[in-house]
C-alpha atoms as a PDB file:
ATOM      1  CA  MET A   1      93.256  60.740 125.089  1.00  0.00           C
ATOM      2  CA  ALA A   2      94.226  64.419 124.612  1.00  0.00           C
ATOM      3  CA  GLU A   3      97.035  65.196 122.199  1.00  0.00           C
ATOM      4  CA  ILE A   4     100.311  65.882 124.014  1.00  0.00           C
ATOM      5  CA  THR A   5     101.808  69.378 123.789  1.00  0.00           C
ATOM      6  CA  LYS A   6     105.583  69.409 124.192  1.00  0.00           C
ATOM      7  CA  VAL A   7     107.057  72.650 125.529  1.00  0.00           C
ATOM      8  CA  ALA A   8     110.773  73.468 125.807  1.00  0.00           C
ATOM      9  CA  LEU A   9     111.302  75.844 128.734  1.00  0.00           C
ATOM     10  CA  ASP A  10     114.410  77.989 129.169  1.00  0.00           C
ATOM     11  CA  ALA A  11     115.228  77.154 132.783  1.00  0.00           C
ATOM     12  CA  MET A  12     118.077  79.683 132.955  1.00  0.00           C
ATOM     13  CA  GLY A  13     116.399  82.790 131.514  1.00  0.00           C
ATOM     14  CA  GLY A  14     115.172  85.756 133.545  1.00  0.00           C
ATOM     15  CA  ASP A  15     115.855  87.469 136.852  1.00  0.00           C
ATOM     16  CA  ASN A  16     114.453  84.617 138.946  1.00  0.00           C
ATOM     17  CA  ALA A  17     115.944  81.595 137.181  1.00  0.00           C
ATOM     18  CA  PRO A  18     116.106  78.744 137.789  1.00  0.00           C
ATOM     19  CA  ALA A  19     114.021  78.704 141.015  1.00  0.00           C
ATOM     20  CA  GLU A  20     110.826  80.433 139.811  1.00  0.00           C
ATOM     21  CA  ILE A  21     111.077  78.887 136.348  1.00  0.00           C
ATOM     22  CA  VAL A  22     111.187  75.357 137.745  1.00  0.00           C
ATOM     23  CA  LYS A  23     108.411  76.134 140.237  1.00  0.00           C
ATOM     24  CA  GLY A  24     106.223  77.405 137.395  1.00  0.00           C
ATOM     25  CA  ALA A  25     107.001  74.329 135.306  1.00  0.00           C
ATOM     26  CA  VAL A  26     105.932  71.960 138.082  1.00  0.00           C
ATOM     27  CA  ASP A  27     102.725  73.948 138.586  1.00  0.00           C
ATOM     28  CA  ALA A  28     101.919  73.793 134.863  1.00  0.00           C
ATOM     29  CA  LEU A  29     102.374  70.012 134.865  1.00  0.00           C
ATOM     30  CA  SER A  30      99.842  69.680 137.677  1.00  0.00           C
ATOM     31  CA  ARG A  31      97.327  71.919 135.862  1.00  0.00           C
ATOM     32  CA  GLU A  32      97.581  70.495 132.355  1.00  0.00           C
ATOM     33  CA  LYS A  33      97.637  66.711 131.948  1.00  0.00           C
ATOM     34  CA  SER A  34      98.299  66.854 128.193  1.00  0.00           C
ATOM     35  CA  LEU A  35     101.626  68.609 128.766  1.00  0.00           C
ATOM     36  CA  TYR A  36     105.192  67.312 128.385  1.00  0.00           C
ATOM     37  CA  LEU A  37     108.081  69.586 129.422  1.00  0.00           C
ATOM     38  CA  PHE A  38     111.722  69.848 128.403  1.00  0.00           C
ATOM     39  CA  LEU A  39     113.597  71.884 131.024  1.00  0.00           C
ATOM     40  CA  VAL A  40     116.599  73.305 129.171  1.00  0.00           C
ATOM     41  CA  GLY A  41     119.567  74.519 131.190  1.00  0.00           C
ATOM     42  CA  ARG A  42     122.437  73.642 133.501  1.00  0.00           C
ATOM     43  CA  GLU A  43     121.622  70.142 134.664  1.00  0.00           C
ATOM     44  CA  ASP A  44     122.860  70.394 138.254  1.00  0.00           C
ATOM     45  CA  ALA A  45     120.991  73.645 138.914  1.00  0.00           C
ATOM     46  CA  VAL A  46     117.755  72.326 137.402  1.00  0.00           C
ATOM     47  CA  LYS A  47     117.966  69.023 139.298  1.00  0.00           C
ATOM     48  CA  SER A  48     118.589  70.884 142.556  1.00  0.00           C
ATOM     49  CA  GLU A  49     115.392  72.932 142.112  1.00  0.00           C
ATOM     50  CA  LEU A  50     113.318  69.946 140.979  1.00  0.00           C
ATOM     51  CA  SER A  51     114.302  68.025 144.127  1.00  0.00           C
ATOM     52  CA  LYS A  52     112.073  70.411 146.120  1.00  0.00           C
ATOM     53  CA  TYR A  53     108.880  69.210 144.418  1.00  0.00           C
ATOM     54  CA  ASP A  54     106.759  66.175 143.709  1.00  0.00           C
ATOM     55  CA  TYR A  55     105.835  65.955 140.028  1.00  0.00           C
ATOM     56  CA  ASP A  56     105.105  63.454 137.268  1.00  0.00           C
ATOM     57  CA  LYS A  57     108.604  62.419 136.212  1.00  0.00           C
ATOM     58  CA  GLU A  58     107.178  60.699 133.122  1.00  0.00           C
ATOM     59  CA  ARG A  59     106.227  64.093 131.693  1.00  0.00           C
ATOM     60  CA  LEU A  60     109.376  66.099 132.385  1.00  0.00           C
ATOM     61  CA  GLU A  61     112.847  65.778 130.889  1.00  0.00           C
ATOM     62  CA  ILE A  62     115.985  67.794 131.555  1.00  0.00           C
ATOM     63  CA  VAL A  63     117.862  68.835 128.404  1.00  0.00           C
ATOM     64  CA  PRO A  64     121.413  69.911 129.320  1.00  0.00           C
ATOM     65  CA  ALA A  65     122.663  73.303 128.119  1.00  0.00           C
ATOM     66  CA  SER A  66     125.903  74.565 129.625  1.00  0.00           C
ATOM     67  CA  GLU A  67     125.728  78.233 128.578  1.00  0.00           C
ATOM     68  CA  VAL A  68     123.448  81.173 129.413  1.00  0.00           C
ATOM     69  CA  ILE A  69     122.863  84.245 127.242  1.00  0.00           C
ATOM     70  CA  GLU A  70     122.907  87.256 129.546  1.00  0.00           C
ATOM     71  CA  MET A  71     120.524  90.203 129.178  1.00  0.00           C
ATOM     72  CA  ALA A  72     123.250  92.708 128.213  1.00  0.00           C
ATOM     73  CA  GLU A  73     124.901  90.567 125.521  1.00  0.00           C
ATOM     74  CA  PRO A  74     124.549  91.614 121.851  1.00  0.00           C
ATOM     75  CA  PRO A  75     121.878  89.127 120.696  1.00  0.00           C
ATOM     76  CA  VAL A  76     123.222  88.278 117.225  1.00  0.00           C
ATOM     77  CA  ASN A  77     126.709  87.537 118.534  1.00  0.00           C
ATOM     78  CA  ALA A  78     125.321  85.607 121.498  1.00  0.00           C
ATOM     79  CA  ILE A  79     123.188  83.336 119.297  1.00  0.00           C
ATOM     80  CA  ARG A  80     126.171  82.674 117.018  1.00  0.00           C
ATOM     81  CA  ARG A  81     128.740  82.090 119.762  1.00  0.00           C
ATOM     82  CA  LYS A  82     126.770  80.331 122.484  1.00  0.00           C
ATOM     83  CA  LYS A  83     125.590  77.254 120.606  1.00  0.00           C
ATOM     84  CA  ASP A  84     125.046  75.388 123.884  1.00  0.00           C
ATOM     85  CA  SER A  85     122.977  78.107 125.538  1.00  0.00           C
ATOM     86  CA  SER A  86     119.530  77.311 126.903  1.00  0.00           C
ATOM     87  CA  ILE A  87     117.909  79.599 124.299  1.00  0.00           C
ATOM     88  CA  VAL A  88     119.670  78.061 121.293  1.00  0.00           C
ATOM     89  CA  VAL A  89     119.236  74.460 122.488  1.00  0.00           C
ATOM     90  CA  GLY A  90     115.560  75.036 123.306  1.00  0.00           C
ATOM     91  CA  MET A  91     114.796  76.625 119.955  1.00  0.00           C
ATOM     92  CA  LYS A  92     116.512  73.789 118.111  1.00  0.00           C
ATOM     93  CA  LEU A  93     114.068  71.396 119.771  1.00  0.00           C
ATOM     94  CA  VAL A  94     111.257  73.378 118.120  1.00  0.00           C
ATOM     95  CA  ARG A  95     113.016  73.530 114.749  1.00  0.00           C
ATOM     96  CA  GLU A  96     113.592  69.777 114.789  1.00  0.00           C
ATOM     97  CA  GLY A  97     109.958  69.074 115.669  1.00  0.00           C
ATOM     98  CA  LYS A  98     110.809  67.585 119.067  1.00  0.00           C
ATOM     99  CA  ALA A  99     108.957  70.414 120.868  1.00  0.00           C
ATOM    100  CA  ASP A 100     105.820  72.311 119.868  1.00  0.00           C
ATOM    101  CA  ALA A 101     106.817  75.506 121.662  1.00  0.00           C
ATOM    102  CA  PHE A 102     109.688  77.331 123.325  1.00  0.00           C
ATOM    103  CA  VAL A 103     109.193  79.622 126.338  1.00  0.00           C
ATOM    104  CA  SER A 104     111.794  81.990 127.778  1.00  0.00           C
ATOM    105  CA  ALA A 105     112.030  84.839 130.290  1.00  0.00           C
ATOM    106  CA  GLY A 106     115.574  85.501 129.089  1.00  0.00           C
ATOM    107  CA  SER A 107     117.103  88.079 126.744  1.00  0.00           C
ATOM    108  CA  THR A 108     114.376  89.533 124.513  1.00  0.00           C
ATOM    109  CA  GLY A 109     116.883  90.327 121.787  1.00  0.00           C
ATOM    110  CA  ALA A 110     118.256  86.785 121.764  1.00  0.00           C
ATOM    111  CA  VAL A 111     114.741  85.306 121.668  1.00  0.00           C
ATOM    112  CA  LEU A 112     113.808  87.546 118.724  1.00  0.00           C
ATOM    113  CA  VAL A 113     116.977  86.775 116.784  1.00  0.00           C
ATOM    114  CA  GLY A 114     116.860  83.075 117.619  1.00  0.00           C
ATOM    115  CA  GLY A 115     113.218  82.855 116.629  1.00  0.00           C
ATOM    116  CA  GLN A 116     113.953  84.131 113.147  1.00  0.00           C
ATOM    117  CA  VAL A 117     117.355  82.487 112.606  1.00  0.00           C
ATOM    118  CA  ILE A 118     116.784  79.102 114.270  1.00  0.00           C
ATOM    119  CA  VAL A 119     113.018  78.456 114.156  1.00  0.00           C
ATOM    120  CA  GLY A 120     112.532  80.509 110.978  1.00  0.00           C
ATOM    121  CA  ARG A 121     109.709  82.607 109.577  1.00  0.00           C
ATOM    122  CA  ILE A 122     106.650  81.280 107.783  1.00  0.00           C
ATOM    123  CA  LYS A 123     107.172  81.896 104.081  1.00  0.00           C
ATOM    124  CA  GLY A 124     105.620  85.239 103.192  1.00  0.00           C
ATOM    125  CA  VAL A 125     105.794  86.726 106.706  1.00  0.00           C
ATOM    126  CA  GLU A 126     107.849  89.905 106.461  1.00  0.00           C
ATOM    127  CA  ARG A 127     108.482  90.549 110.163  1.00  0.00           C
ATOM    128  CA  PRO A 128     107.344  88.447 113.168  1.00  0.00           C
ATOM    129  CA  PRO A 129     105.797  90.700 115.852  1.00  0.00           C
ATOM    130  CA  LEU A 130     105.597  90.230 119.625  1.00  0.00           C
ATOM    131  CA  ALA A 131     101.944  90.210 120.652  1.00  0.00           C
ATOM    132  CA  PRO A 132     100.994  90.262 124.361  1.00  0.00           C
ATOM    133  CA  LEU A 133      97.480  90.218 125.772  1.00  0.00           C
ATOM    134  CA  PHE A 134      96.656  92.785 128.433  1.00  0.00           C
ATOM    135  CA  PRO A 135      93.545  93.559 130.515  1.00  0.00           C
ATOM    136  CA  THR A 136      90.965  96.167 129.501  1.00  0.00           C
ATOM    137  CA  GLU A 137      87.502  97.245 130.584  1.00  0.00           C
ATOM    138  CA  ASN A 138      85.986  94.814 128.048  1.00  0.00           C
ATOM    139  CA  GLY A 139      88.235  91.813 128.764  1.00  0.00           C
ATOM    140  CA  VAL A 140      91.594  91.665 126.977  1.00  0.00           C
ATOM    141  CA  SER A 141      93.197  93.258 123.931  1.00  0.00           C
ATOM    142  CA  LEU A 142      96.210  92.219 121.852  1.00  0.00           C
ATOM    143  CA  LEU A 143      99.029  94.736 121.393  1.00  0.00           C
ATOM    144  CA  ILE A 144     100.966  94.039 118.204  1.00  0.00           C
ATOM    145  CA  ASP A 145     103.912  94.846 117.970  1.00  0.00           C
ATOM    146  CA  CYS A 146     105.345  95.517 121.443  1.00  0.00           C
ATOM    147  CA  GLY A 147     109.067  95.007 120.987  1.00  0.00           C
ATOM    148  CA  ALA A 148     110.275  93.203 117.876  1.00  0.00           C
ATOM    149  CA  ASN A 149     110.175  95.760 115.028  1.00  0.00           C
ATOM    150  CA  VAL A 150     110.907  99.371 115.935  1.00  0.00           C
ATOM    151  CA  ASP A 151     111.301 100.436 112.287  1.00  0.00           C
ATOM    152  CA  ALA A 152     108.278  98.722 110.743  1.00  0.00           C
ATOM    153  CA  ARG A 153     106.891  99.564 107.313  1.00  0.00           C
ATOM    154  CA  PRO A 154     103.203  99.883 106.377  1.00  0.00           C
ATOM    155  CA  SER A 155     103.118  96.384 104.841  1.00  0.00           C
ATOM    156  CA  HIS A 156     104.431  94.992 108.139  1.00  0.00           C
ATOM    157  CA  LEU A 157     101.629  96.656 110.104  1.00  0.00           C
ATOM    158  CA  VAL A 158      99.012  95.238 107.728  1.00  0.00           C
ATOM    159  CA  GLN A 159     100.379  91.736 108.338  1.00  0.00           C
ATOM    160  CA  PHE A 160     100.394  92.408 112.094  1.00  0.00           C
ATOM    161  CA  ALA A 161      96.695  93.251 111.874  1.00  0.00           C
ATOM    162  CA  LYS A 162      95.936  90.016 110.018  1.00  0.00           C
ATOM    163  CA  MET A 163      97.959  87.789 112.345  1.00  0.00           C
ATOM    164  CA  GLY A 164      96.566  89.543 115.413  1.00  0.00           C
ATOM    165  CA  SER A 165      93.012  89.032 114.185  1.00  0.00           C
ATOM    166  CA  ILE A 166      93.633  85.306 113.682  1.00  0.00           C
ATOM    167  CA  TYR A 167      95.089  85.042 117.202  1.00  0.00           C
ATOM    168  CA  MET A 168      92.243  86.914 118.898  1.00  0.00           C
ATOM    169  CA  GLU A 169      89.557  84.926 117.107  1.00  0.00           C
ATOM    170  CA  HIS A 170      90.992  81.447 117.602  1.00  0.00           C
ATOM    171  CA  VAL A 171      92.897  81.711 120.905  1.00  0.00           C
ATOM    172  CA  VAL A 172      90.810  84.256 122.821  1.00  0.00           C
ATOM    173  CA  GLY A 173      87.504  83.496 121.085  1.00  0.00           C
ATOM    174  CA  VAL A 174      86.665  87.031 119.923  1.00  0.00           C
ATOM    175  CA  LYS A 175      84.599  86.756 116.743  1.00  0.00           C
ATOM    176  CA  ASP A 176      85.387  89.348 114.066  1.00  0.00           C
ATOM    177  CA  PRO A 177      87.876  91.218 116.311  1.00  0.00           C
ATOM    178  CA  LYS A 178      88.001  95.002 115.986  1.00  0.00           C
ATOM    179  CA  VAL A 179      91.358  96.305 114.730  1.00  0.00           C
ATOM    180  CA  GLY A 180      92.634  99.807 115.477  1.00  0.00           C
ATOM    181  CA  ILE A 181      95.887 101.608 114.683  1.00  0.00           C
ATOM    182  CA  VAL A 182      97.557 103.661 117.442  1.00  0.00           C
ATOM    183  CA  ASN A 183      97.352 107.350 116.605  1.00  0.00           C
ATOM    184  CA  ILE A 184      97.394 110.812 118.222  1.00  0.00           C
ATOM    185  CA  GLY A 185      93.824 111.566 117.155  1.00  0.00           C
ATOM    186  CA  ALA A 186      90.735 109.972 115.675  1.00  0.00           C
ATOM    187  CA  GLU A 187      90.930 111.801 112.360  1.00  0.00           C
ATOM    188  CA  GLU A 188      92.257 109.862 109.391  1.00  0.00           C
ATOM    189  CA  GLU A 189      94.600 112.675 108.321  1.00  0.00           C
ATOM    190  CA  LYS A 190      96.428 112.737 111.695  1.00  0.00           C
ATOM    191  CA  GLY A 191      99.552 110.831 112.645  1.00  0.00           C
ATOM    192  CA  ASN A 192     103.144 110.408 111.537  1.00  0.00           C
ATOM    193  CA  ALA A 193     104.192 109.243 108.068  1.00  0.00           C
ATOM    194  CA  LEU A 194     103.934 105.565 108.984  1.00  0.00           C
ATOM    195  CA  VAL A 195     100.388 105.844 110.341  1.00  0.00           C
ATOM    196  CA  LYS A 196      99.198 108.016 107.454  1.00  0.00           C
ATOM    197  CA  GLU A 197     100.522 105.532 104.914  1.00  0.00           C
ATOM    198  CA  THR A 198      99.237 102.460 106.769  1.00  0.00           C
ATOM    199  CA  PHE A 199      95.726 103.742 107.522  1.00  0.00           C
ATOM    200  CA  PRO A 200      94.305 103.469 103.949  1.00  0.00           C
ATOM    201  CA  LEU A 201      95.897 100.021 103.537  1.00  0.00           C
ATOM    202  CA  LEU A 202      94.142  98.748 106.673  1.00  0.00           C
ATOM    203  CA  LYS A 203      90.923 100.451 105.592  1.00  0.00           C
ATOM    204  CA  ALA A 204      91.042  98.601 102.255  1.00  0.00           C
ATOM    205  CA  GLU A 205      91.892  95.208 103.784  1.00  0.00           C
ATOM    206  CA  LYS A 206      88.772  93.046 103.580  1.00  0.00           C
ATOM    207  CA  SER A 207      90.058  90.211 105.807  1.00  0.00           C
ATOM    208  CA  ILE A 208      90.031  92.341 108.979  1.00  0.00           C
ATOM    209  CA  HIS A 209      87.475  94.467 110.868  1.00  0.00           C
ATOM    210  CA  PHE A 210      89.286  97.814 110.869  1.00  0.00           C
ATOM    211  CA  ILE A 211      87.714 100.546 113.024  1.00  0.00           C
ATOM    212  CA  GLY A 212      90.257 103.325 112.432  1.00  0.00           C
ATOM    213  CA  SER A 213      92.539 105.186 114.809  1.00  0.00           C
ATOM    214  CA  VAL A 214      92.787 104.428 118.523  1.00  0.00           C
ATOM    215  CA  GLU A 215      94.164 106.995 120.949  1.00  0.00           C
ATOM    216  CA  ALA A 216      96.174 105.878 123.967  1.00  0.00           C
ATOM    217  CA  ARG A 217      93.384 106.784 126.410  1.00  0.00           C
ATOM    218  CA  ASP A 218      90.989 104.481 124.526  1.00  0.00           C
ATOM    219  CA  ILE A 219      93.230 101.423 124.857  1.00  0.00           C
ATOM    220  CA  PRO A 220      92.338 100.549 128.510  1.00  0.00           C
ATOM    221  CA  ARG A 221      88.638 100.839 127.607  1.00  0.00           C
ATOM    222  CA  GLY A 222      88.960  97.960 125.146  1.00  0.00           C
ATOM    223  CA  THR A 223      87.921 100.089 122.159  1.00  0.00           C
ATOM    224  CA  ALA A 224      89.868  97.745 119.867  1.00  0.00           C
ATOM    225  CA  ASP A 225      90.568  94.017 120.254  1.00  0.00           C
ATOM    226  CA  VAL A 226      93.747  94.211 118.164  1.00  0.00           C
ATOM    227  CA  ILE A 227      95.913  97.312 118.631  1.00  0.00           C
ATOM    228  CA  VAL A 228      98.390  97.777 115.784  1.00  0.00           C
ATOM    229  CA  CYS A 229     101.592  99.826 116.007  1.00  0.00           C
ATOM    230  CA  GLU A 230     105.325  99.608 115.454  1.00  0.00           C
ATOM    231  CA  ALA A 231     107.359  98.249 118.349  1.00  0.00           C
ATOM    232  CA  PHE A 232     108.725 101.565 119.655  1.00  0.00           C
ATOM    233  CA  ALA A 233     105.255 102.922 120.431  1.00  0.00           C
ATOM    234  CA  GLY A 234     104.010  99.463 121.438  1.00  0.00           C
ATOM    235  CA  ASN A 235     106.740  98.920 124.002  1.00  0.00           C
ATOM    236  CA  ILE A 236     106.113 102.324 125.582  1.00  0.00           C
ATOM    237  CA  ILE A 237     102.360 101.627 125.749  1.00  0.00           C
ATOM    238  CA  LEU A 238     102.889  98.205 127.326  1.00  0.00           C
ATOM    239  CA  LYS A 239     105.405  99.318 129.947  1.00  0.00           C
ATOM    240  CA  LEU A 240     103.457 102.443 130.883  1.00  0.00           C
ATOM    241  CA  PHE A 241     100.314 100.304 131.232  1.00  0.00           C
ATOM    242  CA  GLU A 242     102.137  97.811 133.456  1.00  0.00           C
ATOM    243  CA  GLY A 243     103.759 100.555 135.529  1.00  0.00           C
ATOM    244  CA  VAL A 244     100.524 102.449 136.116  1.00  0.00           C
ATOM    245  CA  GLY A 245      98.725  99.192 136.954  1.00  0.00           C
ATOM    246  CA  LYS A 246     101.317  98.210 139.573  1.00  0.00           C
ATOM    247  CA  THR A 247     101.347 101.713 141.055  1.00  0.00           C
ATOM    248  CA  LEU A 248      97.551 101.859 141.345  1.00  0.00           C
ATOM    249  CA  ILE A 249      97.388  98.411 142.952  1.00  0.00           C
ATOM    250  CA  SER A 250     100.112  99.419 145.418  1.00  0.00           C
ATOM    251  CA  GLU A 251      98.402 102.726 146.268  1.00  0.00           C
ATOM    252  CA  VAL A 252      94.999 101.055 146.750  1.00  0.00           C
ATOM    253  CA  LYS A 253      96.533  98.517 149.139  1.00  0.00           C
ATOM    254  CA  LYS A 254      98.399 101.274 150.990  1.00  0.00           C
ATOM    255  CA  GLY A 255      95.209 103.360 151.304  1.00  0.00           C
ATOM    256  CA  MET A 256      93.272 100.386 152.673  1.00  0.00           C
ATOM    257  CA  MET A 257      95.823 100.003 155.467  1.00  0.00           C
ATOM    258  CA  SER A 258      96.149 103.700 156.320  1.00  0.00           C
ATOM    259  CA  SER A 259      93.736 103.793 159.276  1.00  0.00           C
ATOM    260  CA  PHE A 260      91.599 101.599 161.502  1.00  0.00           C
ATOM    261  CA  ARG A 261      88.460 102.647 159.624  1.00  0.00           C
ATOM    262  CA  SER A 262      89.995 101.885 156.221  1.00  0.00           C
ATOM    263  CA  LYS A 263      91.132  98.475 157.477  1.00  0.00           C
ATOM    264  CA  ILE A 264      87.544  97.633 158.467  1.00  0.00           C
ATOM    265  CA  GLY A 265      86.392  98.764 155.025  1.00  0.00           C
ATOM    266  CA  ALA A 266      89.127  96.684 153.417  1.00  0.00           C
ATOM    267  CA  LEU A 267      87.808  93.548 155.110  1.00  0.00           C
ATOM    268  CA  LEU A 268      84.317  94.235 153.735  1.00  0.00           C
ATOM    269  CA  VAL A 269      85.432  94.832 150.142  1.00  0.00           C
ATOM    270  CA  LYS A 270      88.300  92.326 150.095  1.00  0.00           C
ATOM    271  CA  PRO A 271      86.587  89.609 147.961  1.00  0.00           C
ATOM    272  CA  ALA A 272      85.444  92.072 145.257  1.00  0.00           C
ATOM    273  CA  LEU A 273      88.708  94.016 145.386  1.00  0.00           C
ATOM    274  CA  LYS A 274      90.811  90.874 145.082  1.00  0.00           C
ATOM    275  CA  SER A 275      88.866  89.802 142.010  1.00  0.00           C
ATOM    276  CA  THR A 276      89.227  93.234 140.391  1.00  0.00           C
ATOM    277  CA  LEU A 277      92.946  93.564 141.119  1.00  0.00           C
ATOM    278  CA  LYS A 278      93.564  90.054 139.782  1.00  0.00           C
ATOM    279  CA  LYS A 279      92.091  91.135 136.439  1.00  0.00           C
ATOM    280  CA  PHE A 280      94.793  93.798 136.138  1.00  0.00           C
ATOM    281  CA  ASP A 281      97.666  91.509 137.081  1.00  0.00           C
ATOM    282  CA  THR A 282      99.628  90.998 133.829  1.00  0.00           C
ATOM    283  CA  ALA A 283     100.998  87.687 135.140  1.00  0.00           C
ATOM    284  CA  GLU A 284      97.513  86.224 134.639  1.00  0.00           C
ATOM    285  CA  TYR A 285      97.766  86.547 130.858  1.00  0.00           C
ATOM    286  CA  GLY A 286     100.927  84.604 130.095  1.00  0.00           C
ATOM    287  CA  GLY A 287     103.678  85.697 127.734  1.00  0.00           C
ATOM    288  CA  ALA A 288     103.879  87.358 124.335  1.00  0.00           C
ATOM    289  CA  PRO A 289     104.035  84.991 121.342  1.00  0.00           C
ATOM    290  CA  LEU A 290     106.332  85.860 118.457  1.00  0.00           C
ATOM    291  CA  LEU A 291     103.798  85.390 115.660  1.00  0.00           C
ATOM    292  CA  GLY A 292     104.626  84.275 112.132  1.00  0.00           C
ATOM    293  CA  LEU A 293     107.313  81.673 112.873  1.00  0.00           C
ATOM    294  CA  ASN A 294     107.426  78.015 111.829  1.00  0.00           C
ATOM    295  CA  GLY A 295     106.997  77.062 115.479  1.00  0.00           C
ATOM    296  CA  LEU A 296     105.709  78.721 118.628  1.00  0.00           C
ATOM    297  CA  VAL A 297     108.117  80.983 120.536  1.00  0.00           C
ATOM    298  CA  VAL A 298     106.797  82.845 123.593  1.00  0.00           C
ATOM    299  CA  LYS A 299     108.620  85.557 125.531  1.00  0.00           C
ATOM    300  CA  THR A 300     107.687  86.279 129.149  1.00  0.00           C
ATOM    301  CA  HIS A 301     108.817  89.181 131.336  1.00  0.00           C
ATOM    302  CA  GLY A 302     112.400  89.013 132.579  1.00  0.00           C
ATOM    303  CA  SER A 303     110.994  89.457 136.092  1.00  0.00           C
ATOM    304  CA  SER A 304     108.506  86.574 135.684  1.00  0.00           C
ATOM    305  CA  LYS A 305     107.725  84.466 138.711  1.00  0.00           C
ATOM    306  CA  ALA A 306     106.175  81.015 138.867  1.00  0.00           C
ATOM    307  CA  LYS A 307     102.581  82.094 138.174  1.00  0.00           C
ATOM    308  CA  GLU A 308     103.415  83.844 134.901  1.00  0.00           C
ATOM    309  CA  ILE A 309     105.660  80.975 133.794  1.00  0.00           C
ATOM    310  CA  SER A 310     102.914  78.450 134.540  1.00  0.00           C
ATOM    311  CA  ASN A 311     100.269  80.508 132.704  1.00  0.00           C
ATOM    312  CA  THR A 312     102.556  80.928 129.705  1.00  0.00           C
ATOM    313  CA  ILE A 313     103.205  77.193 129.437  1.00  0.00           C
ATOM    314  CA  VAL A 314      99.470  76.417 129.635  1.00  0.00           C
ATOM    315  CA  GLN A 315      98.892  79.124 127.002  1.00  0.00           C
ATOM    316  CA  CYS A 316     101.046  77.064 124.608  1.00  0.00           C
ATOM    317  CA  VAL A 317      98.601  74.148 124.867  1.00  0.00           C
ATOM    318  CA  THR A 318      95.760  76.372 123.632  1.00  0.00           C
ATOM    319  CA  PHE A 319      97.954  77.743 120.868  1.00  0.00           C
ATOM    320  CA  LYS A 320      98.683  74.261 119.573  1.00  0.00           C
ATOM    321  CA  LYS A 321      95.079  73.081 119.846  1.00  0.00           C
ATOM    322  CA  GLN A 322      93.879  76.022 117.777  1.00  0.00           C
ATOM    323  CA  LYS A 323      96.618  75.508 115.133  1.00  0.00           C
ATOM    324  CA  ILE A 324      97.440  79.216 115.039  1.00  0.00           C
ATOM    325  CA  ASN A 325     100.657  78.822 113.034  1.00  0.00           C
ATOM    326  CA  GLU A 326      98.815  76.768 110.430  1.00  0.00           C
ATOM    327  CA  LYS A 327      96.044  79.371 110.193  1.00  0.00           C
ATOM    328  CA  ILE A 328      98.583  82.192 109.759  1.00  0.00           C
ATOM    329  CA  ARG A 329     100.396  80.168 107.080  1.00  0.00           C
ATOM    330  CA  GLU A 330      97.133  79.517 105.227  1.00  0.00           C
ATOM    331  CA  SER A 331      96.207  83.208 105.378  1.00  0.00           C
ATOM    332  CA  ILE A 332      99.601  84.364 104.044  1.00  0.00           C
ATOM    333  CA  GLN A 333      99.621  81.749 101.273  1.00  0.00           C
ATOM    334  CA  ALA A 334      96.057  82.605 100.228  1.00  0.00           C
ATOM    335  CA  GLU A 335      97.056  86.262  99.995  1.00  0.00           C
ATOM    336  CA  ALA A 336     100.127  85.402  97.894  1.00  0.00           C
ATOM    337  CA  ALA A 337      98.032  83.230  95.558  1.00  0.00           C
ATOM    338  CA  ALA A 338      95.478  86.010  95.091  1.00  0.00           C
ATOM    339  CA  GLU A 339      98.216  88.436  94.049  1.00  0.00           C
ATOM    340  CA  GLU A 340      99.617  86.083  91.368  1.00  0.00           C
END
């Protein structure tokens, strides 16, 4: 029998909670038989949504949490004050070993703070980064960091590269993943102070396959499997990528419906077009794990609907099976031992 993966899901987080969150949870249960879910949130609201579906009641449990951390709240104060919020209660389940993972579409700031304060960092990890997968010409790439550390130091970026390489190899299955650092040119001497200082450190790091600088236009081509940057640049890259993707998909659909002739053409190309557009739908790739913690914490878009929630929950099963946290811990400890 497959090992059970227990996931705590923030039922109150995000723009579409609790309806889309609960719908995604039920879908994930039907897809993954080795899954057990804790739905964390206001009990009456969660029960009301669950009553709309048939699901395996033996594999789902409601964990009451009376408070909700809102998007605009200062995250540190919110984590301290709202002890009975769905984010705090859910993360405590991970810290106590009752859940293997925590998933939320709620406040990014609160998830980042809670991850470090409640779940805690792996010893030796300087800064946990957010690391989403996104589609490219060659499959998918990992962007690390995309929102957690806007003032990163060179040593942080080196750790991001190592953790990202472990993730890509063991979760995505990319052997010897290529690592690139975001820069404004291919030349080694280009870039800001952070990039210039980090570049030689990555170049000297034997545990990764560093290929040098990656310009923004090269990212959609899949030039690198792991794209390293601080969170300010990473967040801009991610949101521009998502915005352009949505705009292109919308314009293609609009163009297909613009005339009788184009509608006929749309019918002919619909199967191929649907497959292509699906590849560039970010909801297909789940959420962004906060790497380097003692347990798995995954942040999904605030606008997530059921499909992204379901994919993110299933993603947690793979994460556990591949023992990513353990592999990151081993890598960090081996590095520390070598320096002694």
